[in-house]
Amino acid sequence: MDITTIAILSYAPALFLLWYVYSKDRIEPEPKRYVVAVFLVSSTISTTLALLLEQITPALLTFYFAPFIEEFTKFLALLIPYRGKQMDGVMDGVVYGVAAGLGFASFENLMYGLSFGQDVALTRAFLTPVAHSTFTAITGVGLGLKAEGKTSSVLPYLITGSFFHLWWNFSALNGLWVIPMLITNAFVLYSLIKLGMKEDVEKIEYYLLRKI
């Protein structure tokens, strides 16, 4: 088993996707230290907490509860920029949500790769980064909107992201559904990015018009 190869397969796709999403936040880029902090906290504390909570969950219910547990622990990582007053819109929520999702997915992929080998690591490298990014980006959007005063609660967004995660787990039981679900996740993530970029442009136009 080549540990270096498994580590690269676990982290390289995630870091590339994080760079891509971050590059779309052009008008008011988020502080890199917060993005890195969310990634690292989700990769360590969130994964550890999720594992502990899943261990005390009845075995028959773990399949159904795991998505909600994992999305909740990733949500906790998002509180770092939220409490730090760094979230003020959809794009901010997407960037931090993707960072949290990718941090979690990377470490999870590393553990699976070390346990089951390079073939599993390679397969997961193509599948889980986009999936986990989408789940937590939905929650991130909820926090971004809450910071703007456009929603009173992030709970519906957290639940939606968790159900997307559960849907993904069900699709994994039948290999035929994995690719359609992956495409769905990619479309949702792309749509959230476009929505965030559109909102940022509208904010700039609004402030410029007020100065005229």
C-alpha atoms as a PDB file:
ATOM      1  CA  MET A   1       0.000   0.000   0.000  1.00  0.00           C
ATOM      2  CA  ASP A   2       1.433   3.362  -1.090  1.00  0.00           C
ATOM      3  CA  ILE A   3       0.424   5.793   1.643  1.00  0.00           C
ATOM      4  CA  THR A   4       1.687   8.797  -0.343  1.00  0.00           C
ATOM      5  CA  THR A   5      -0.498   7.908  -3.322  1.00  0.00           C
ATOM      6  CA  ILE A   6      -3.529   7.439  -1.101  1.00  0.00           C
ATOM      7  CA  ALA A   7      -2.896  10.799   0.588  1.00  0.00           C
ATOM      8  CA  ILE A   8      -2.605  12.523  -2.794  1.00  0.00           C
ATOM      9  CA  LEU A   9      -5.809  10.881  -4.031  1.00  0.00           C
ATOM     10  CA  SER A  10      -7.553  11.956  -0.835  1.00  0.00           C
ATOM     11  CA  TYR A  11      -6.482  15.604  -0.768  1.00  0.00           C
ATOM     12  CA  ALA A  12      -5.524  16.711  -4.304  1.00  0.00           C
ATOM     13  CA  PRO A  13      -9.066  16.617  -5.815  1.00  0.00           C
ATOM     14  CA  ALA A  14     -10.450  18.400  -2.758  1.00  0.00           C
ATOM     15  CA  LEU A  15      -7.847  21.152  -2.843  1.00  0.00           C
ATOM     16  CA  PHE A  16      -8.392  21.658  -6.571  1.00  0.00           C
ATOM     17  CA  LEU A  17     -12.152  21.977  -6.116  1.00  0.00           C
ATOM     18  CA  LEU A  18     -11.650  24.347  -3.183  1.00  0.00           C
ATOM     19  CA  TRP A  19      -9.354  26.509  -5.317  1.00  0.00           C
ATOM     20  CA  TYR A  20     -11.930  26.517  -8.126  1.00  0.00           C
ATOM     21  CA  VAL A  21     -14.794  27.626  -5.882  1.00  0.00           C
ATOM     22  CA  TYR A  22     -12.638  30.192  -4.082  1.00  0.00           C
ATOM     23  CA  SER A  23     -11.585  31.657  -7.446  1.00  0.00           C
ATOM     24  CA  LYS A  24     -15.245  32.397  -8.189  1.00  0.00           C
ATOM     25  CA  ASP A  25     -15.512  34.645  -5.140  1.00  0.00           C
ATOM     26  CA  ARG A  26     -14.033  37.579  -7.036  1.00  0.00           C
ATOM     27  CA  ILE A  27     -15.746  40.675  -5.693  1.00  0.00           C
ATOM     28  CA  GLU A  28     -15.071  40.207  -1.979  1.00  0.00           C
ATOM     29  CA  PRO A  29     -12.878  37.097  -1.487  1.00  0.00           C
ATOM     30  CA  GLU A  30     -13.047  35.488   1.929  1.00  0.00           C
ATOM     31  CA  PRO A  31      -9.947  35.685   4.160  1.00  0.00           C
ATOM     32  CA  LYS A  32      -7.789  32.666   3.369  1.00  0.00           C
ATOM     33  CA  ARG A  33      -7.103  32.047   7.055  1.00  0.00           C
ATOM     34  CA  TYR A  34     -10.799  31.467   7.704  1.00  0.00           C
ATOM     35  CA  VAL A  35     -11.184  29.184   4.690  1.00  0.00           C
ATOM     36  CA  VAL A  36      -8.164  27.135   5.770  1.00  0.00           C
ATOM     37  CA  ALA A  37      -9.414  27.041   9.368  1.00  0.00           C
ATOM     38  CA  VAL A  38     -12.801  25.675   8.305  1.00  0.00           C
ATOM     39  CA  PHE A  39     -11.138  23.044   6.100  1.00  0.00           C
ATOM     40  CA  LEU A  40      -8.807  21.896   8.883  1.00  0.00           C
ATOM     41  CA  VAL A  41     -11.420  21.919  11.655  1.00  0.00           C
ATOM     42  CA  SER A  42     -13.825  19.908   9.515  1.00  0.00           C
ATOM     43  CA  SER A  43     -11.026  17.516   8.556  1.00  0.00           C
ATOM     44  CA  THR A  44     -10.119  16.855  12.186  1.00  0.00           C
ATOM     45  CA  ILE A  45     -12.647  17.852  14.835  1.00  0.00           C
ATOM     46  CA  SER A  46     -15.798  17.369  12.728  1.00  0.00           C
ATOM     47  CA  THR A  47     -14.729  13.928  11.494  1.00  0.00           C
ATOM     48  CA  THR A  48     -13.746  12.824  14.998  1.00  0.00           C
ATOM     49  CA  LEU A  49     -16.990  14.078  16.538  1.00  0.00           C
ATOM     50  CA  ALA A  50     -19.036  12.427  13.781  1.00  0.00           C
ATOM     51  CA  LEU A  51     -17.253   9.124  14.364  1.00  0.00           C
ATOM     52  CA  LEU A  52     -17.916   9.289  18.106  1.00  0.00           C
ATOM     53  CA  LEU A  53     -21.595  10.109  17.625  1.00  0.00           C
ATOM     54  CA  GLU A  54     -22.009   7.351  15.046  1.00  0.00           C
ATOM     55  CA  GLN A  55     -20.419   4.876  17.467  1.00  0.00           C
ATOM     56  CA  ILE A  56     -23.142   5.483  20.039  1.00  0.00           C
ATOM     57  CA  THR A  57     -25.932   5.339  17.443  1.00  0.00           C
ATOM     58  CA  PRO A  58     -27.788   1.995  17.286  1.00  0.00           C
ATOM     59  CA  ALA A  59     -26.299  -0.085  14.461  1.00  0.00           C
ATOM     60  CA  LEU A  60     -29.595  -0.473  12.600  1.00  0.00           C
ATOM     61  CA  LEU A  61     -30.082   3.294  12.515  1.00  0.00           C
ATOM     62  CA  THR A  62     -26.527   4.366  11.644  1.00  0.00           C
ATOM     63  CA  PHE A  63     -27.162   4.307   7.881  1.00  0.00           C
ATOM     64  CA  TYR A  64     -30.053   6.741   8.270  1.00  0.00           C
ATOM     65  CA  PHE A  65     -28.614   8.919  11.018  1.00  0.00           C
ATOM     66  CA  ALA A  66     -25.019   9.208   9.749  1.00  0.00           C
ATOM     67  CA  PRO A  67     -25.801  11.882   7.096  1.00  0.00           C
ATOM     68  CA  PHE A  68     -27.514  14.075   9.701  1.00  0.00           C
ATOM     69  CA  ILE A  69     -24.709  13.556  12.211  1.00  0.00           C
ATOM     70  CA  GLU A  70     -21.999  14.363   9.670  1.00  0.00           C
ATOM     71  CA  GLU A  71     -23.739  17.449   8.325  1.00  0.00           C
ATOM     72  CA  PHE A  72     -24.267  18.702  11.874  1.00  0.00           C
ATOM     73  CA  THR A  73     -20.580  18.306  12.730  1.00  0.00           C
ATOM     74  CA  LYS A  74     -19.604  20.105   9.510  1.00  0.00           C
ATOM     75  CA  PHE A  75     -22.084  22.838  10.391  1.00  0.00           C
ATOM     76  CA  LEU A  76     -20.165  23.384  13.630  1.00  0.00           C
ATOM     77  CA  ALA A  77     -17.042  24.181  11.584  1.00  0.00           C
ATOM     78  CA  LEU A  78     -19.040  26.816   9.697  1.00  0.00           C
ATOM     79  CA  LEU A  79     -19.699  28.649  12.939  1.00  0.00           C
ATOM     80  CA  ILE A  80     -16.068  29.817  12.897  1.00  0.00           C
ATOM     81  CA  PRO A  81     -16.550  32.323  10.038  1.00  0.00           C
ATOM     82  CA  TYR A  82     -20.173  32.950  10.993  1.00  0.00           C
ATOM     83  CA  ARG A  83     -19.286  33.968  14.546  1.00  0.00           C
ATOM     84  CA  GLY A  84     -16.301  35.837  13.157  1.00  0.00           C
ATOM     85  CA  LYS A  85     -18.677  38.049  11.098  1.00  0.00           C
ATOM     86  CA  GLN A  86     -17.179  36.772   7.836  1.00  0.00           C
ATOM     87  CA  MET A  87     -20.442  35.565   6.297  1.00  0.00           C
ATOM     88  CA  ASP A  88     -22.707  38.076   4.642  1.00  0.00           C
ATOM     89  CA  GLY A  89     -24.238  36.384   1.660  1.00  0.00           C
ATOM     90  CA  VAL A  90     -24.744  33.349  -0.527  1.00  0.00           C
ATOM     91  CA  MET A  91     -21.238  33.249  -2.000  1.00  0.00           C
ATOM     92  CA  ASP A  92     -19.626  33.395   1.429  1.00  0.00           C
ATOM     93  CA  GLY A  93     -21.781  30.484   2.526  1.00  0.00           C
ATOM     94  CA  VAL A  94     -20.848  28.494  -0.560  1.00  0.00           C
ATOM     95  CA  VAL A  95     -17.106  29.060  -0.098  1.00  0.00           C
ATOM     96  CA  TYR A  96     -17.102  28.094   3.564  1.00  0.00           C
ATOM     97  CA  GLY A  97     -19.565  25.262   3.032  1.00  0.00           C
ATOM     98  CA  VAL A  98     -17.368  23.802   0.318  1.00  0.00           C
ATOM     99  CA  ALA A  99     -14.300  24.165   2.551  1.00  0.00           C
ATOM    100  CA  ALA A 100     -16.049  22.272   5.356  1.00  0.00           C
ATOM    101  CA  GLY A 101     -17.352  19.587   3.028  1.00  0.00           C
ATOM    102  CA  LEU A 102     -13.967  19.056   1.416  1.00  0.00           C
ATOM    103  CA  GLY A 103     -12.107  18.948   4.710  1.00  0.00           C
ATOM    104  CA  PHE A 104     -14.429  16.215   5.918  1.00  0.00           C
ATOM    105  CA  ALA A 105     -14.359  14.294   2.622  1.00  0.00           C
ATOM    106  CA  SER A 106     -10.559  14.399   2.386  1.00  0.00           C
ATOM    107  CA  PHE A 107      -9.949  12.868   5.793  1.00  0.00           C
ATOM    108  CA  GLU A 108     -12.735  10.336   5.305  1.00  0.00           C
ATOM    109  CA  ASN A 109     -11.233   9.329   1.949  1.00  0.00           C
ATOM    110  CA  LEU A 110      -7.813   8.990   3.551  1.00  0.00           C
ATOM    111  CA  MET A 111      -9.205   6.634   6.186  1.00  0.00           C
ATOM    112  CA  TYR A 112     -11.061   4.554   3.599  1.00  0.00           C
ATOM    113  CA  GLY A 113      -7.977   4.424   1.394  1.00  0.00           C
ATOM    114  CA  LEU A 114      -5.732   3.281   4.230  1.00  0.00           C
ATOM    115  CA  SER A 115      -8.280   0.642   5.209  1.00  0.00           C
ATOM    116  CA  PHE A 116      -9.296  -0.684   1.797  1.00  0.00           C
ATOM    117  CA  GLY A 117      -6.519   0.289  -0.608  1.00  0.00           C
ATOM    118  CA  GLN A 118      -5.775   2.514  -3.591  1.00  0.00           C
ATOM    119  CA  ASP A 119      -8.692   1.352  -5.749  1.00  0.00           C
ATOM    120  CA  VAL A 120     -11.172   2.579  -3.151  1.00  0.00           C
ATOM    121  CA  ALA A 121      -9.195   5.799  -2.700  1.00  0.00           C
ATOM    122  CA  LEU A 122      -9.248   6.392  -6.468  1.00  0.00           C
ATOM    123  CA  THR A 123     -12.983   5.775  -6.748  1.00  0.00           C
ATOM    124  CA  ARG A 124     -13.796   8.052  -3.843  1.00  0.00           C
ATOM    125  CA  ALA A 125     -11.475  10.752  -5.226  1.00  0.00           C
ATOM    126  CA  PHE A 126     -13.843  11.157  -8.182  1.00  0.00           C
ATOM    127  CA  LEU A 127     -17.084  10.913  -6.231  1.00  0.00           C
ATOM    128  CA  THR A 128     -17.051  12.329  -2.715  1.00  0.00           C
ATOM    129  CA  PRO A 129     -15.466  15.811  -3.074  1.00  0.00           C
ATOM    130  CA  VAL A 130     -18.335  17.178  -5.171  1.00  0.00           C
ATOM    131  CA  ALA A 131     -20.917  15.353  -3.061  1.00  0.00           C
ATOM    132  CA  HIS A 132     -19.734  16.556   0.350  1.00  0.00           C
ATOM    133  CA  SER A 133     -19.159  20.061  -1.038  1.00  0.00           C
ATOM    134  CA  THR A 134     -22.751  20.264  -2.191  1.00  0.00           C
ATOM    135  CA  PHE A 135     -24.272  18.982   1.051  1.00  0.00           C
ATOM    136  CA  THR A 136     -22.481  21.518   3.223  1.00  0.00           C
ATOM    137  CA  ALA A 137     -22.673  24.355   0.703  1.00  0.00           C
ATOM    138  CA  ILE A 138     -26.448  24.185   1.115  1.00  0.00           C
ATOM    139  CA  THR A 139     -26.035  24.670   4.863  1.00  0.00           C
ATOM    140  CA  GLY A 140     -23.505  27.426   4.230  1.00  0.00           C
ATOM    141  CA  VAL A 141     -25.975  29.281   2.034  1.00  0.00           C
ATOM    142  CA  GLY A 142     -28.455  29.135   4.904  1.00  0.00           C
ATOM    143  CA  LEU A 143     -25.930  30.732   7.247  1.00  0.00           C
ATOM    144  CA  GLY A 144     -25.057  33.355   4.649  1.00  0.00           C
ATOM    145  CA  LEU A 145     -28.712  34.273   4.205  1.00  0.00           C
ATOM    146  CA  LYS A 146     -29.248  34.333   7.970  1.00  0.00           C
ATOM    147  CA  ALA A 147     -26.338  36.741   8.336  1.00  0.00           C
ATOM    148  CA  GLU A 148     -28.045  38.993   5.773  1.00  0.00           C
ATOM    149  CA  GLY A 149     -31.362  38.797   7.598  1.00  0.00           C
ATOM    150  CA  LYS A 150     -33.002  37.030   4.654  1.00  0.00           C
ATOM    151  CA  THR A 151     -33.941  33.930   6.652  1.00  0.00           C
ATOM    152  CA  SER A 152     -34.645  33.432  10.331  1.00  0.00           C
ATOM    153  CA  SER A 153     -33.227  29.931  10.637  1.00  0.00           C
ATOM    154  CA  VAL A 154     -30.504  27.822   9.066  1.00  0.00           C
ATOM    155  CA  LEU A 155     -32.273  24.603  10.100  1.00  0.00           C
ATOM    156  CA  PRO A 156     -34.174  24.064   6.803  1.00  0.00           C
ATOM    157  CA  TYR A 157     -30.893  24.351   4.898  1.00  0.00           C
ATOM    158  CA  LEU A 158     -29.109  21.966   7.263  1.00  0.00           C
ATOM    159  CA  ILE A 159     -31.928  19.447   6.910  1.00  0.00           C
ATOM    160  CA  THR A 160     -31.935  19.813   3.119  1.00  0.00           C
ATOM    161  CA  GLY A 161     -28.194  19.212   2.943  1.00  0.00           C
ATOM    162  CA  SER A 162     -28.592  16.186   5.217  1.00  0.00           C
ATOM    163  CA  PHE A 163     -31.308  14.707   3.020  1.00  0.00           C
ATOM    164  CA  PHE A 164     -29.094  15.208  -0.038  1.00  0.00           C
ATOM    165  CA  HIS A 165     -26.435  13.279   1.882  1.00  0.00           C
ATOM    166  CA  LEU A 166     -28.895  10.509   2.731  1.00  0.00           C
ATOM    167  CA  TRP A 167     -29.997  10.362  -0.905  1.00  0.00           C
ATOM    168  CA  TRP A 168     -26.343  10.039  -1.893  1.00  0.00           C
ATOM    169  CA  ASN A 169     -25.877   7.130   0.515  1.00  0.00           C
ATOM    170  CA  PHE A 170     -28.886   5.352  -0.947  1.00  0.00           C
ATOM    171  CA  SER A 171     -27.513   5.859  -4.458  1.00  0.00           C
ATOM    172  CA  ALA A 172     -24.254   4.222  -3.364  1.00  0.00           C
ATOM    173  CA  LEU A 173     -26.192   1.041  -2.587  1.00  0.00           C
ATOM    174  CA  ASN A 174     -27.041   0.805  -6.276  1.00  0.00           C
ATOM    175  CA  GLY A 175     -24.054   1.672  -8.451  1.00  0.00           C
ATOM    176  CA  LEU A 176     -26.332   2.666 -11.335  1.00  0.00           C
ATOM    177  CA  TRP A 177     -27.563   5.693  -9.398  1.00  0.00           C
ATOM    178  CA  VAL A 178     -24.189   7.053  -8.332  1.00  0.00           C
ATOM    179  CA  ILE A 179     -23.380   8.895 -11.564  1.00  0.00           C
ATOM    180  CA  PRO A 180     -26.834  10.525 -11.933  1.00  0.00           C
ATOM    181  CA  MET A 181     -26.617  11.625  -8.299  1.00  0.00           C
ATOM    182  CA  LEU A 182     -23.090  12.948  -8.833  1.00  0.00           C
ATOM    183  CA  ILE A 183     -24.321  14.978 -11.801  1.00  0.00           C
ATOM    184  CA  THR A 184     -27.219  16.280  -9.699  1.00  0.00           C
ATOM    185  CA  ASN A 185     -24.849  17.354  -6.936  1.00  0.00           C
ATOM    186  CA  ALA A 186     -22.536  19.063  -9.421  1.00  0.00           C
ATOM    187  CA  PHE A 187     -25.481  20.932 -10.931  1.00  0.00           C
ATOM    188  CA  VAL A 188     -26.724  22.074  -7.519  1.00  0.00           C
ATOM    189  CA  LEU A 189     -23.243  23.241  -6.503  1.00  0.00           C
ATOM    190  CA  TYR A 190     -22.753  25.077  -9.799  1.00  0.00           C
ATOM    191  CA  SER A 191     -26.163  26.729  -9.395  1.00  0.00           C
ATOM    192  CA  LEU A 192     -25.313  27.892  -5.874  1.00  0.00           C
ATOM    193  CA  ILE A 193     -22.030  29.364  -7.124  1.00  0.00           C
ATOM    194  CA  LYS A 194     -23.835  31.234  -9.911  1.00  0.00           C
ATOM    195  CA  LEU A 195     -26.469  32.447  -7.443  1.00  0.00           C
ATOM    196  CA  GLY A 196     -23.757  33.724  -5.120  1.00  0.00           C
ATOM    197  CA  MET A 197     -21.931  35.519  -7.927  1.00  0.00           C
ATOM    198  CA  LYS A 198     -25.200  37.088  -9.086  1.00  0.00           C
ATOM    199  CA  GLU A 199     -26.003  38.331  -5.581  1.00  0.00           C
ATOM    200  CA  ASP A 200     -22.522  39.860  -5.223  1.00  0.00           C
ATOM    201  CA  VAL A 201     -22.939  41.769  -8.494  1.00  0.00           C
ATOM    202  CA  GLU A 202     -26.368  43.008  -7.408  1.00  0.00           C
ATOM    203  CA  LYS A 203     -24.887  44.282  -4.135  1.00  0.00           C
ATOM    204  CA  ILE A 204     -22.212  46.252  -5.983  1.00  0.00           C
ATOM    205  CA  GLU A 205     -24.797  47.722  -8.365  1.00  0.00           C
ATOM    206  CA  TYR A 206     -27.011  48.694  -5.415  1.00  0.00           C
ATOM    207  CA  TYR A 207     -24.209  50.485  -3.575  1.00  0.00           C
ATOM    208  CA  LEU A 208     -23.069  52.260  -6.743  1.00  0.00           C
ATOM    209  CA  LEU A 209     -26.593  53.483  -7.475  1.00  0.00           C
ATOM    210  CA  ARG A 210     -26.899  54.856  -3.935  1.00  0.00           C
ATOM    211  CA  LYS A 211     -23.816  57.007  -4.528  1.00  0.00           C
ATOM    212  CA  ILE A 212     -25.188  58.568  -7.706  1.00  0.00           C
END
